[in-house]
C-alpha atoms as a PDB file:
ATOM      1  CA  UNK A   1       0.000   0.000   0.000  1.00  0.00           C
ATOM      2  CA  UNK A   2       1.364   3.418  -0.990  1.00  0.00           C
ATOM      3  CA  UNK A   3      -0.334   5.921   1.291  1.00  0.00           C
ATOM      4  CA  UNK A   4       1.013   8.909  -0.649  1.00  0.00           C
ATOM      5  CA  UNK A   5      -0.895   7.797  -3.732  1.00  0.00           C
ATOM      6  CA  UNK A   6      -4.193   7.509  -1.891  1.00  0.00           C
ATOM      7  CA  UNK A   7      -3.532  10.495   0.361  1.00  0.00           C
ATOM      8  CA  UNK A   8      -1.480  12.988  -1.694  1.00  0.00           C
ATOM      9  CA  UNK A   9      -1.503  15.898   0.741  1.00  0.00           C
ATOM     10  CA  UNK A  10       1.084  17.954   2.582  1.00  0.00           C
ATOM     11  CA  UNK A  11       1.458  16.992   6.244  1.00  0.00           C
ATOM     12  CA  UNK A  12       1.067  19.891   8.696  1.00  0.00           C
ATOM     13  CA  UNK A  13       1.538  19.796  12.454  1.00  0.00           C
ATOM     14  CA  UNK A  14       0.554  21.960  15.405  1.00  0.00           C
ATOM     15  CA  UNK A  15       2.354  21.491  18.716  1.00  0.00           C
ATOM     16  CA  UNK A  16      -0.274  20.868  21.406  1.00  0.00           C
ATOM     17  CA  UNK A  17       1.505  20.820  24.765  1.00  0.00           C
ATOM     18  CA  UNK A  18       4.293  18.711  23.310  1.00  0.00           C
ATOM     19  CA  UNK A  19       2.016  16.508  21.189  1.00  0.00           C
ATOM     20  CA  UNK A  20       2.156  16.719  17.398  1.00  0.00           C
ATOM     21  CA  UNK A  21      -1.364  17.383  16.105  1.00  0.00           C
ATOM     22  CA  UNK A  22      -1.545  16.582  12.390  1.00  0.00           C
ATOM     23  CA  UNK A  23      -3.863  18.361   9.969  1.00  0.00           C
ATOM     24  CA  UNK A  24      -4.471  18.900   6.271  1.00  0.00           C
ATOM     25  CA  UNK A  25      -4.649  22.467   4.972  1.00  0.00           C
ATOM     26  CA  UNK A  26      -5.457  22.342   1.255  1.00  0.00           C
ATOM     27  CA  UNK A  27      -6.752  25.003  -1.116  1.00  0.00           C
ATOM     28  CA  UNK A  28      -7.828  28.578  -0.472  1.00  0.00           C
ATOM     29  CA  UNK A  29     -11.058  30.482  -0.044  1.00  0.00           C
ATOM     30  CA  UNK A  30     -13.731  30.127   2.597  1.00  0.00           C
ATOM     31  CA  UNK A  31     -12.795  27.516   5.200  1.00  0.00           C
ATOM     32  CA  UNK A  32     -14.296  24.047   5.218  1.00  0.00           C
ATOM     33  CA  UNK A  33     -13.419  22.239   8.442  1.00  0.00           C
ATOM     34  CA  UNK A  34     -13.896  18.455   8.357  1.00  0.00           C
ATOM     35  CA  UNK A  35     -13.966  16.597  11.668  1.00  0.00           C
ATOM     36  CA  UNK A  36     -13.561  12.799  11.693  1.00  0.00           C
ATOM     37  CA  UNK A  37     -14.660  10.221  14.232  1.00  0.00           C
ATOM     38  CA  UNK A  38     -13.567   6.900  15.708  1.00  0.00           C
ATOM     39  CA  UNK A  39     -11.951   4.646  14.518  1.00  0.00           C
ATOM     40  CA  UNK A  40     -11.069   6.672  11.416  1.00  0.00           C
ATOM     41  CA  UNK A  41      -8.834   9.660  10.653  1.00  0.00           C
ATOM     42  CA  UNK A  42      -8.478  12.479   8.115  1.00  0.00           C
ATOM     43  CA  UNK A  43      -8.083   9.828   5.396  1.00  0.00           C
ATOM     44  CA  UNK A  44     -11.884   9.484   5.495  1.00  0.00           C
ATOM     45  CA  UNK A  45     -12.250  12.921   3.885  1.00  0.00           C
ATOM     46  CA  UNK A  46      -9.582  12.519   1.176  1.00  0.00           C
ATOM     47  CA  UNK A  47     -11.995  12.573  -1.782  1.00  0.00           C
ATOM     48  CA  UNK A  48     -14.018  15.473  -0.400  1.00  0.00           C
ATOM     49  CA  UNK A  49     -10.786  17.435   0.104  1.00  0.00           C
ATOM     50  CA  UNK A  50      -9.666  16.752  -3.475  1.00  0.00           C
ATOM     51  CA  UNK A  51     -12.998  18.076  -4.718  1.00  0.00           C
ATOM     52  CA  UNK A  52     -13.616  21.080  -2.458  1.00  0.00           C
ATOM     53  CA  UNK A  53     -10.021  22.336  -2.249  1.00  0.00           C
ATOM     54  CA  UNK A  54     -10.391  23.683  -5.798  1.00  0.00           C
ATOM     55  CA  UNK A  55     -12.602  26.445  -4.373  1.00  0.00           C
ATOM     56  CA  UNK A  56     -12.228  26.363  -0.592  1.00  0.00           C
ATOM     57  CA  UNK A  57      -9.629  26.090   2.159  1.00  0.00           C
ATOM     58  CA  UNK A  58     -10.026  22.565   3.519  1.00  0.00           C
ATOM     59  CA  UNK A  59      -8.739  21.990   7.046  1.00  0.00           C
ATOM     60  CA  UNK A  60      -8.889  18.430   8.371  1.00  0.00           C
ATOM     61  CA  UNK A  61      -7.283  17.505  11.703  1.00  0.00           C
ATOM     62  CA  UNK A  62      -6.368  14.083  13.010  1.00  0.00           C
ATOM     63  CA  UNK A  63      -7.478  13.980  16.636  1.00  0.00           C
ATOM     64  CA  UNK A  64      -4.643  13.252  19.055  1.00  0.00           C
ATOM     65  CA  UNK A  65      -4.171   9.481  19.085  1.00  0.00           C
ATOM     66  CA  UNK A  66      -5.509   9.132  15.526  1.00  0.00           C
ATOM     67  CA  UNK A  67      -4.094   9.127  12.020  1.00  0.00           C
ATOM     68  CA  UNK A  68      -0.770  10.922  11.680  1.00  0.00           C
ATOM     69  CA  UNK A  69      -1.026  12.717  15.036  1.00  0.00           C
ATOM     70  CA  UNK A  70       0.963  11.591  18.075  1.00  0.00           C
ATOM     71  CA  UNK A  71      -0.496   8.786  20.189  1.00  0.00           C
ATOM     72  CA  UNK A  72       0.443   9.655  23.771  1.00  0.00           C
ATOM     73  CA  UNK A  73      -0.176   7.595  26.894  1.00  0.00           C
ATOM     74  CA  UNK A  74      -2.782   8.696  29.419  1.00  0.00           C
ATOM     75  CA  UNK A  75      -0.180  10.453  31.548  1.00  0.00           C
ATOM     76  CA  UNK A  76       0.624  12.796  28.649  1.00  0.00           C
ATOM     77  CA  UNK A  77      -2.875  13.506  27.313  1.00  0.00           C
ATOM     78  CA  UNK A  78      -6.394  13.321  28.656  1.00  0.00           C
ATOM     79  CA  UNK A  79      -8.582  11.600  26.073  1.00  0.00           C
ATOM     80  CA  UNK A  80     -11.769  13.575  26.774  1.00  0.00           C
ATOM     81  CA  UNK A  81     -14.349  15.343  24.663  1.00  0.00           C
ATOM     82  CA  UNK A  82     -13.420  18.710  26.175  1.00  0.00           C
ATOM     83  CA  UNK A  83      -9.779  18.261  25.164  1.00  0.00           C
ATOM     84  CA  UNK A  84     -10.817  17.276  21.635  1.00  0.00           C
ATOM     85  CA  UNK A  85     -12.801  20.504  21.332  1.00  0.00           C
ATOM     86  CA  UNK A  86      -9.926  22.508  22.833  1.00  0.00           C
ATOM     87  CA  UNK A  87      -7.539  20.997  20.262  1.00  0.00           C
ATOM     88  CA  UNK A  88      -9.813  21.891  17.342  1.00  0.00           C
ATOM     89  CA  UNK A  89     -10.289  25.417  18.684  1.00  0.00           C
ATOM     90  CA  UNK A  90      -6.520  25.887  19.075  1.00  0.00           C
ATOM     91  CA  UNK A  91      -5.882  24.669  15.533  1.00  0.00           C
ATOM     92  CA  UNK A  92      -8.448  26.985  13.940  1.00  0.00           C
ATOM     93  CA  UNK A  93      -7.251  29.925  16.045  1.00  0.00           C
ATOM     94  CA  UNK A  94      -3.654  29.221  14.972  1.00  0.00           C
ATOM     95  CA  UNK A  95      -4.790  29.442  11.328  1.00  0.00           C
ATOM     96  CA  UNK A  96      -6.873  32.602  11.954  1.00  0.00           C
ATOM     97  CA  UNK A  97     -10.004  30.750  10.876  1.00  0.00           C
ATOM     98  CA  UNK A  98     -12.791  32.526  12.712  1.00  0.00           C
ATOM     99  CA  UNK A  99     -15.614  33.232  10.270  1.00  0.00           C
ATOM    100  CA  UNK A 100     -17.686  31.733   7.426  1.00  0.00           C
ATOM    101  CA  UNK A 101     -16.808  28.174   8.463  1.00  0.00           C
ATOM    102  CA  UNK A 102     -18.505  25.248   6.780  1.00  0.00           C
ATOM    103  CA  UNK A 103     -18.368  22.443   9.315  1.00  0.00           C
ATOM    104  CA  UNK A 104     -18.397  18.837   8.043  1.00  0.00           C
ATOM    105  CA  UNK A 105     -18.883  16.237  10.767  1.00  0.00           C
ATOM    106  CA  UNK A 106     -18.954  12.431  10.975  1.00  0.00           C
ATOM    107  CA  UNK A 107     -19.206  10.027  13.931  1.00  0.00           C
ATOM    108  CA  UNK A 108     -17.474  11.548  17.017  1.00  0.00           C
ATOM    109  CA  UNK A 109     -16.720  14.543  14.797  1.00  0.00           C
ATOM    110  CA  UNK A 110     -20.328  15.637  15.340  1.00  0.00           C
ATOM    111  CA  UNK A 111     -19.817  16.017  19.072  1.00  0.00           C
ATOM    112  CA  UNK A 112     -16.382  17.598  18.690  1.00  0.00           C
ATOM    113  CA  UNK A 113     -17.316  19.872  15.793  1.00  0.00           C
ATOM    114  CA  UNK A 114     -20.610  20.986  17.304  1.00  0.00           C
ATOM    115  CA  UNK A 115     -18.839  21.410  20.630  1.00  0.00           C
ATOM    116  CA  UNK A 116     -16.635  23.970  18.893  1.00  0.00           C
ATOM    117  CA  UNK A 117     -19.673  25.479  17.160  1.00  0.00           C
ATOM    118  CA  UNK A 118     -21.483  25.817  20.504  1.00  0.00           C
ATOM    119  CA  UNK A 119     -18.593  27.981  21.720  1.00  0.00           C
ATOM    120  CA  UNK A 120     -18.536  30.102  18.551  1.00  0.00           C
ATOM    121  CA  UNK A 121     -21.942  29.969  16.824  1.00  0.00           C
ATOM    122  CA  UNK A 122     -21.233  33.233  14.991  1.00  0.00           C
ATOM    123  CA  UNK A 123     -18.336  31.602  13.140  1.00  0.00           C
ATOM    124  CA  UNK A 124     -20.418  28.864  11.494  1.00  0.00           C
ATOM    125  CA  UNK A 125     -21.872  29.474   8.028  1.00  0.00           C
ATOM    126  CA  UNK A 126     -22.999  26.002   6.887  1.00  0.00           C
ATOM    127  CA  UNK A 127     -23.293  22.506   8.349  1.00  0.00           C
ATOM    128  CA  UNK A 128     -22.711  19.170   6.596  1.00  0.00           C
ATOM    129  CA  UNK A 129     -23.837  16.255   8.775  1.00  0.00           C
ATOM    130  CA  UNK A 130     -22.832  12.652   7.980  1.00  0.00           C
ATOM    131  CA  UNK A 131     -23.873   9.751  10.288  1.00  0.00           C
ATOM    132  CA  UNK A 132     -23.082  11.380  13.593  1.00  0.00           C
ATOM    133  CA  UNK A 133     -24.586  12.813  16.767  1.00  0.00           C
ATOM    134  CA  UNK A 134     -24.387  15.990  18.827  1.00  0.00           C
ATOM    135  CA  UNK A 135     -26.792  14.819  21.524  1.00  0.00           C
ATOM    136  CA  UNK A 136     -27.322  11.905  23.919  1.00  0.00           C
ATOM    137  CA  UNK A 137     -28.296   8.400  22.836  1.00  0.00           C
ATOM    138  CA  UNK A 138     -31.903   8.668  21.595  1.00  0.00           C
ATOM    139  CA  UNK A 139     -34.435   7.204  24.040  1.00  0.00           C
ATOM    140  CA  UNK A 140     -35.672   4.879  21.292  1.00  0.00           C
ATOM    141  CA  UNK A 141     -32.194   3.386  20.746  1.00  0.00           C
ATOM    142  CA  UNK A 142     -30.458   0.812  22.921  1.00  0.00           C
ATOM    143  CA  UNK A 143     -26.692   1.131  23.304  1.00  0.00           C
ATOM    144  CA  UNK A 144     -25.060  -1.355  20.885  1.00  0.00           C
ATOM    145  CA  UNK A 145     -23.705  -4.432  22.676  1.00  0.00           C
ATOM    146  CA  UNK A 146     -20.272  -4.360  20.925  1.00  0.00           C
ATOM    147  CA  UNK A 147     -19.749  -0.798  22.166  1.00  0.00           C
ATOM    148  CA  UNK A 148     -20.895  -1.780  25.658  1.00  0.00           C
ATOM    149  CA  UNK A 149     -18.325  -4.595  25.729  1.00  0.00           C
ATOM    150  CA  UNK A 150     -15.624  -2.233  24.514  1.00  0.00           C
ATOM    151  CA  UNK A 151     -16.621   0.443  26.968  1.00  0.00           C
ATOM    152  CA  UNK A 152     -17.032  -1.553  30.161  1.00  0.00           C
ATOM    153  CA  UNK A 153     -15.060  -4.806  30.077  1.00  0.00           C
ATOM    154  CA  UNK A 154     -11.470  -5.989  30.147  1.00  0.00           C
ATOM    155  CA  UNK A 155     -12.146  -8.301  27.224  1.00  0.00           C
ATOM    156  CA  UNK A 156     -13.259  -5.227  25.285  1.00  0.00           C
ATOM    157  CA  UNK A 157      -9.906  -3.619  26.029  1.00  0.00           C
ATOM    158  CA  UNK A 158      -8.081  -6.707  24.790  1.00  0.00           C
ATOM    159  CA  UNK A 159     -10.190  -6.895  21.629  1.00  0.00           C
ATOM    160  CA  UNK A 160      -9.753  -3.207  20.761  1.00  0.00           C
ATOM    161  CA  UNK A 161      -6.142  -2.623  21.810  1.00  0.00           C
ATOM    162  CA  UNK A 162      -4.765  -6.140  21.420  1.00  0.00           C
ATOM    163  CA  UNK A 163      -6.489  -7.306  18.244  1.00  0.00           C
ATOM    164  CA  UNK A 164      -7.501  -3.955  16.672  1.00  0.00           C
ATOM    165  CA  UNK A 165     -11.038  -5.336  16.559  1.00  0.00           C
ATOM    166  CA  UNK A 166     -12.768  -1.976  16.404  1.00  0.00           C
ATOM    167  CA  UNK A 167     -10.830  -0.418  13.534  1.00  0.00           C
ATOM    168  CA  UNK A 168     -10.488  -3.638  11.566  1.00  0.00           C
ATOM    169  CA  UNK A 169     -14.142  -4.634  11.865  1.00  0.00           C
ATOM    170  CA  UNK A 170     -15.306  -1.091  11.055  1.00  0.00           C
ATOM    171  CA  UNK A 171     -13.426  -1.225   7.754  1.00  0.00           C
ATOM    172  CA  UNK A 172     -15.590  -4.211   6.793  1.00  0.00           C
ATOM    173  CA  UNK A 173     -19.004  -3.455   8.340  1.00  0.00           C
ATOM    174  CA  UNK A 174     -18.812   0.320   7.805  1.00  0.00           C
ATOM    175  CA  UNK A 175     -19.522  -0.073   4.082  1.00  0.00           C
ATOM    176  CA  UNK A 176     -22.545  -1.829   2.595  1.00  0.00           C
ATOM    177  CA  UNK A 177     -22.667  -1.200  -1.159  1.00  0.00           C
ATOM    178  CA  UNK A 178     -19.349  -2.819  -1.927  1.00  0.00           C
ATOM    179  CA  UNK A 179     -16.333  -3.912   0.132  1.00  0.00           C
ATOM    180  CA  UNK A 180     -13.498  -1.443   0.520  1.00  0.00           C
ATOM    181  CA  UNK A 181     -10.557  -2.037  -1.762  1.00  0.00           C
ATOM    182  CA  UNK A 182      -7.733  -3.720   0.119  1.00  0.00           C
ATOM    183  CA  UNK A 183      -5.419  -0.684  -0.084  1.00  0.00           C
ATOM    184  CA  UNK A 184      -8.143   1.603   1.289  1.00  0.00           C
ATOM    185  CA  UNK A 185      -8.901  -0.772   4.144  1.00  0.00           C
ATOM    186  CA  UNK A 186      -5.198  -0.996   4.949  1.00  0.00           C
ATOM    187  CA  UNK A 187      -4.968   2.792   5.007  1.00  0.00           C
ATOM    188  CA  UNK A 188      -7.817   3.039   7.507  1.00  0.00           C
ATOM    189  CA  UNK A 189      -6.185   0.662   9.977  1.00  0.00           C
ATOM    190  CA  UNK A 190      -2.526   1.595   9.349  1.00  0.00           C
ATOM    191  CA  UNK A 191      -2.252   4.261  12.094  1.00  0.00           C
ATOM    192  CA  UNK A 192      -3.677   1.855  14.675  1.00  0.00           C
ATOM    193  CA  UNK A 193      -0.943  -0.750  14.331  1.00  0.00           C
ATOM    194  CA  UNK A 194      -0.020  -1.569  17.943  1.00  0.00           C
ATOM    195  CA  UNK A 195      -1.396  -1.720  21.493  1.00  0.00           C
ATOM    196  CA  UNK A 196       0.158   1.702  22.157  1.00  0.00           C
ATOM    197  CA  UNK A 197      -1.263   3.250  18.987  1.00  0.00           C
ATOM    198  CA  UNK A 198      -4.811   2.007  19.622  1.00  0.00           C
ATOM    199  CA  UNK A 199      -5.259   3.973  22.833  1.00  0.00           C
ATOM    200  CA  UNK A 200      -7.587   6.586  21.332  1.00  0.00           C
ATOM    201  CA  UNK A 201      -9.771   3.934  19.704  1.00  0.00           C
ATOM    202  CA  UNK A 202     -10.549   2.553  23.159  1.00  0.00           C
ATOM    203  CA  UNK A 203     -10.664   5.884  25.004  1.00  0.00           C
ATOM    204  CA  UNK A 204     -13.251   7.254  22.553  1.00  0.00           C
ATOM    205  CA  UNK A 205     -15.556   4.333  23.346  1.00  0.00           C
ATOM    206  CA  UNK A 206     -14.958   4.712  27.081  1.00  0.00           C
ATOM    207  CA  UNK A 207     -15.679   8.437  26.854  1.00  0.00           C
ATOM    208  CA  UNK A 208     -19.300   7.963  25.709  1.00  0.00           C
ATOM    209  CA  UNK A 209     -21.471   9.331  28.540  1.00  0.00           C
ATOM    210  CA  UNK A 210     -24.553   7.210  29.160  1.00  0.00           C
ATOM    211  CA  UNK A 211     -25.631   8.341  32.636  1.00  0.00           C
ATOM    212  CA  UNK A 212     -25.751  11.762  34.346  1.00  0.00           C
ATOM    213  CA  UNK A 213     -22.798  10.932  36.633  1.00  0.00           C
ATOM    214  CA  UNK A 214     -20.482  10.110  33.702  1.00  0.00           C
ATOM    215  CA  UNK A 215     -17.895  12.723  32.764  1.00  0.00           C
ATOM    216  CA  UNK A 216     -18.955  14.640  29.644  1.00  0.00           C
ATOM    217  CA  UNK A 217     -22.655  14.043  30.305  1.00  0.00           C
ATOM    218  CA  UNK A 218     -23.318  17.706  31.045  1.00  0.00           C
ATOM    219  CA  UNK A 219     -21.087  18.811  28.149  1.00  0.00           C
ATOM    220  CA  UNK A 220     -23.078  16.645  25.735  1.00  0.00           C
ATOM    221  CA  UNK A 221     -26.308  18.082  27.170  1.00  0.00           C
ATOM    222  CA  UNK A 222     -24.975  21.595  26.584  1.00  0.00           C
ATOM    223  CA  UNK A 223     -23.950  20.793  22.998  1.00  0.00           C
ATOM    224  CA  UNK A 224     -27.370  19.294  22.349  1.00  0.00           C
ATOM    225  CA  UNK A 225     -29.076  22.392  23.768  1.00  0.00           C
ATOM    226  CA  UNK A 226     -26.914  24.613  21.539  1.00  0.00           C
ATOM    227  CA  UNK A 227     -28.329  23.108  18.329  1.00  0.00           C
ATOM    228  CA  UNK A 228     -31.299  25.447  18.524  1.00  0.00           C
ATOM    229  CA  UNK A 229     -28.911  28.289  17.599  1.00  0.00           C
ATOM    230  CA  UNK A 230     -28.169  26.664  14.236  1.00  0.00           C
ATOM    231  CA  UNK A 231     -31.708  26.309  12.939  1.00  0.00           C
ATOM    232  CA  UNK A 232     -31.259  29.203  10.516  1.00  0.00           C
ATOM    233  CA  UNK A 233     -27.905  28.033   9.195  1.00  0.00           C
ATOM    234  CA  UNK A 234     -27.927  26.132   5.872  1.00  0.00           C
ATOM    235  CA  UNK A 235     -27.621  22.441   6.713  1.00  0.00           C
ATOM    236  CA  UNK A 236     -27.390  19.276   4.649  1.00  0.00           C
ATOM    237  CA  UNK A 237     -27.622  15.764   6.085  1.00  0.00           C
ATOM    238  CA  UNK A 238     -26.388  12.745   4.096  1.00  0.00           C
ATOM    239  CA  UNK A 239     -27.100   9.498   5.916  1.00  0.00           C
ATOM    240  CA  UNK A 240     -26.251   5.850   5.405  1.00  0.00           C
ATOM    241  CA  UNK A 241     -29.337   4.053   6.726  1.00  0.00           C
ATOM    242  CA  UNK A 242     -27.509   0.747   7.355  1.00  0.00           C
ATOM    243  CA  UNK A 243     -25.236   2.200  10.051  1.00  0.00           C
ATOM    244  CA  UNK A 244     -25.464  -0.147  13.056  1.00  0.00           C
ATOM    245  CA  UNK A 245     -24.820   2.701  15.523  1.00  0.00           C
ATOM    246  CA  UNK A 246     -25.922   5.952  13.888  1.00  0.00           C
ATOM    247  CA  UNK A 247     -29.165   4.599  12.492  1.00  0.00           C
ATOM    248  CA  UNK A 248     -32.657   5.965  11.854  1.00  0.00           C
ATOM    249  CA  UNK A 249     -33.095   6.800  15.556  1.00  0.00           C
ATOM    250  CA  UNK A 250     -30.212   9.277  15.381  1.00  0.00           C
ATOM    251  CA  UNK A 251     -31.382  10.635  12.037  1.00  0.00           C
ATOM    252  CA  UNK A 252     -34.867  11.209  13.447  1.00  0.00           C
ATOM    253  CA  UNK A 253     -33.352  13.193  16.311  1.00  0.00           C
ATOM    254  CA  UNK A 254     -31.444  15.354  13.834  1.00  0.00           C
ATOM    255  CA  UNK A 255     -34.684  15.971  11.933  1.00  0.00           C
ATOM    256  CA  UNK A 256     -36.338  17.110  15.164  1.00  0.00           C
ATOM    257  CA  UNK A 257     -33.463  19.353  16.184  1.00  0.00           C
ATOM    258  CA  UNK A 258     -32.673  20.700  12.697  1.00  0.00           C
ATOM    259  CA  UNK A 259     -36.081  20.761  10.961  1.00  0.00           C
ATOM    260  CA  UNK A 260     -34.785  23.076   8.224  1.00  0.00           C
ATOM    261  CA  UNK A 261     -32.055  20.661   7.069  1.00  0.00           C
ATOM    262  CA  UNK A 262     -32.049  19.163   3.582  1.00  0.00           C
ATOM    263  CA  UNK A 263     -31.893  15.400   4.141  1.00  0.00           C
ATOM    264  CA  UNK A 264     -30.602  12.732   1.753  1.00  0.00           C
ATOM    265  CA  UNK A 265     -31.079   9.135   2.907  1.00  0.00           C
ATOM    266  CA  UNK A 266     -29.103   6.292   1.347  1.00  0.00           C
ATOM    267  CA  UNK A 267     -30.942   3.064   2.101  1.00  0.00           C
ATOM    268  CA  UNK A 268     -28.131   0.780   0.935  1.00  0.00           C
ATOM    269  CA  UNK A 269     -25.213   2.596   2.611  1.00  0.00           C
ATOM    270  CA  UNK A 270     -23.477   2.143   5.951  1.00  0.00           C
ATOM    271  CA  UNK A 271     -21.479   4.196   8.424  1.00  0.00           C
ATOM    272  CA  UNK A 272     -18.729   5.283   6.028  1.00  0.00           C
ATOM    273  CA  UNK A 273     -21.087   7.154   3.713  1.00  0.00           C
ATOM    274  CA  UNK A 274     -18.172   8.861   1.933  1.00  0.00           C
ATOM    275  CA  UNK A 275     -16.812   5.431   0.993  1.00  0.00           C
ATOM    276  CA  UNK A 276     -20.140   3.858   0.041  1.00  0.00           C
ATOM    277  CA  UNK A 277     -21.531   6.783  -1.958  1.00  0.00           C
ATOM    278  CA  UNK A 278     -18.833   9.399  -2.527  1.00  0.00           C
ATOM    279  CA  UNK A 279     -19.788   9.801  -6.196  1.00  0.00           C
ATOM    280  CA  UNK A 280     -23.287  10.862  -5.067  1.00  0.00           C
ATOM    281  CA  UNK A 281     -22.615  12.601  -1.759  1.00  0.00           C
ATOM    282  CA  UNK A 282     -19.722  14.825  -2.875  1.00  0.00           C
ATOM    283  CA  UNK A 283     -21.727  16.455  -5.731  1.00  0.00           C
ATOM    284  CA  UNK A 284     -24.609  16.984  -3.284  1.00  0.00           C
ATOM    285  CA  UNK A 285     -22.247  18.792  -0.918  1.00  0.00           C
ATOM    286  CA  UNK A 286     -20.737  20.840  -3.755  1.00  0.00           C
ATOM    287  CA  UNK A 287     -24.201  21.887  -4.944  1.00  0.00           C
ATOM    288  CA  UNK A 288     -25.264  22.703  -1.380  1.00  0.00           C
ATOM    289  CA  UNK A 289     -22.216  24.944  -0.941  1.00  0.00           C
ATOM    290  CA  UNK A 290     -22.839  26.711  -4.249  1.00  0.00           C
ATOM    291  CA  UNK A 291     -26.540  27.256  -3.521  1.00  0.00           C
ATOM    292  CA  UNK A 292     -25.777  28.789  -0.119  1.00  0.00           C
ATOM    293  CA  UNK A 293     -23.011  31.271  -0.949  1.00  0.00           C
END
């Protein structure tokens, strides 16, 4: 696998308290900030960056512990939602990106990206929402058993950090239309190639707040409450309906919270909507951007 062929972008780094925080910064124009989730990295957005960077400045970080960023131990970095938002804020401030932001979010990127947006609603111009959440688990949805095992049990730790179960399995079950090409699948899992380098994959799962006494619970509540401030901002939702986590229950919550959003449902697509349907979703995003100048 030649990563440079699949991912032909300049590597940029911001020092975050001694940790190297990798990001893409491609193109010029209005900023488009793309925030990935778990267990992926900026590679997920490669085709969207190639397309949009012709007309926009595309900024795509790798969260600490993911992709080409450093993967510190717990003593050197707290793997919490607040720190993820702080990192994103520091990156955008360092690049003087503080207005007319189009925010693209997927998976955990929804919580992190909308956490940033909640702090700076005046900076956000458009929202692109892809199989994600910025609110608590919907009351109609039970917490998926594989995530519960990963979150709460030692065997979950062994599976995720010892066998790379989460990242490896996601590369298979995250797409539904057609299997990922081998080189693409290898690129997804490449950064998570050892016990040490899989720390964030596990910590993300452990950081999901399910009960009011869990850390982050109030922060998630606050982010959810903030969504009301974005109901006049142009929003597009593209959703893979065969996502085993972010399914119709999450989409229905988005529809309630963002009733103005333009929604495109893909009945035969899974979690990695930009892999399953990039040739449909990317033109939809391009058109959405052009129609909301």
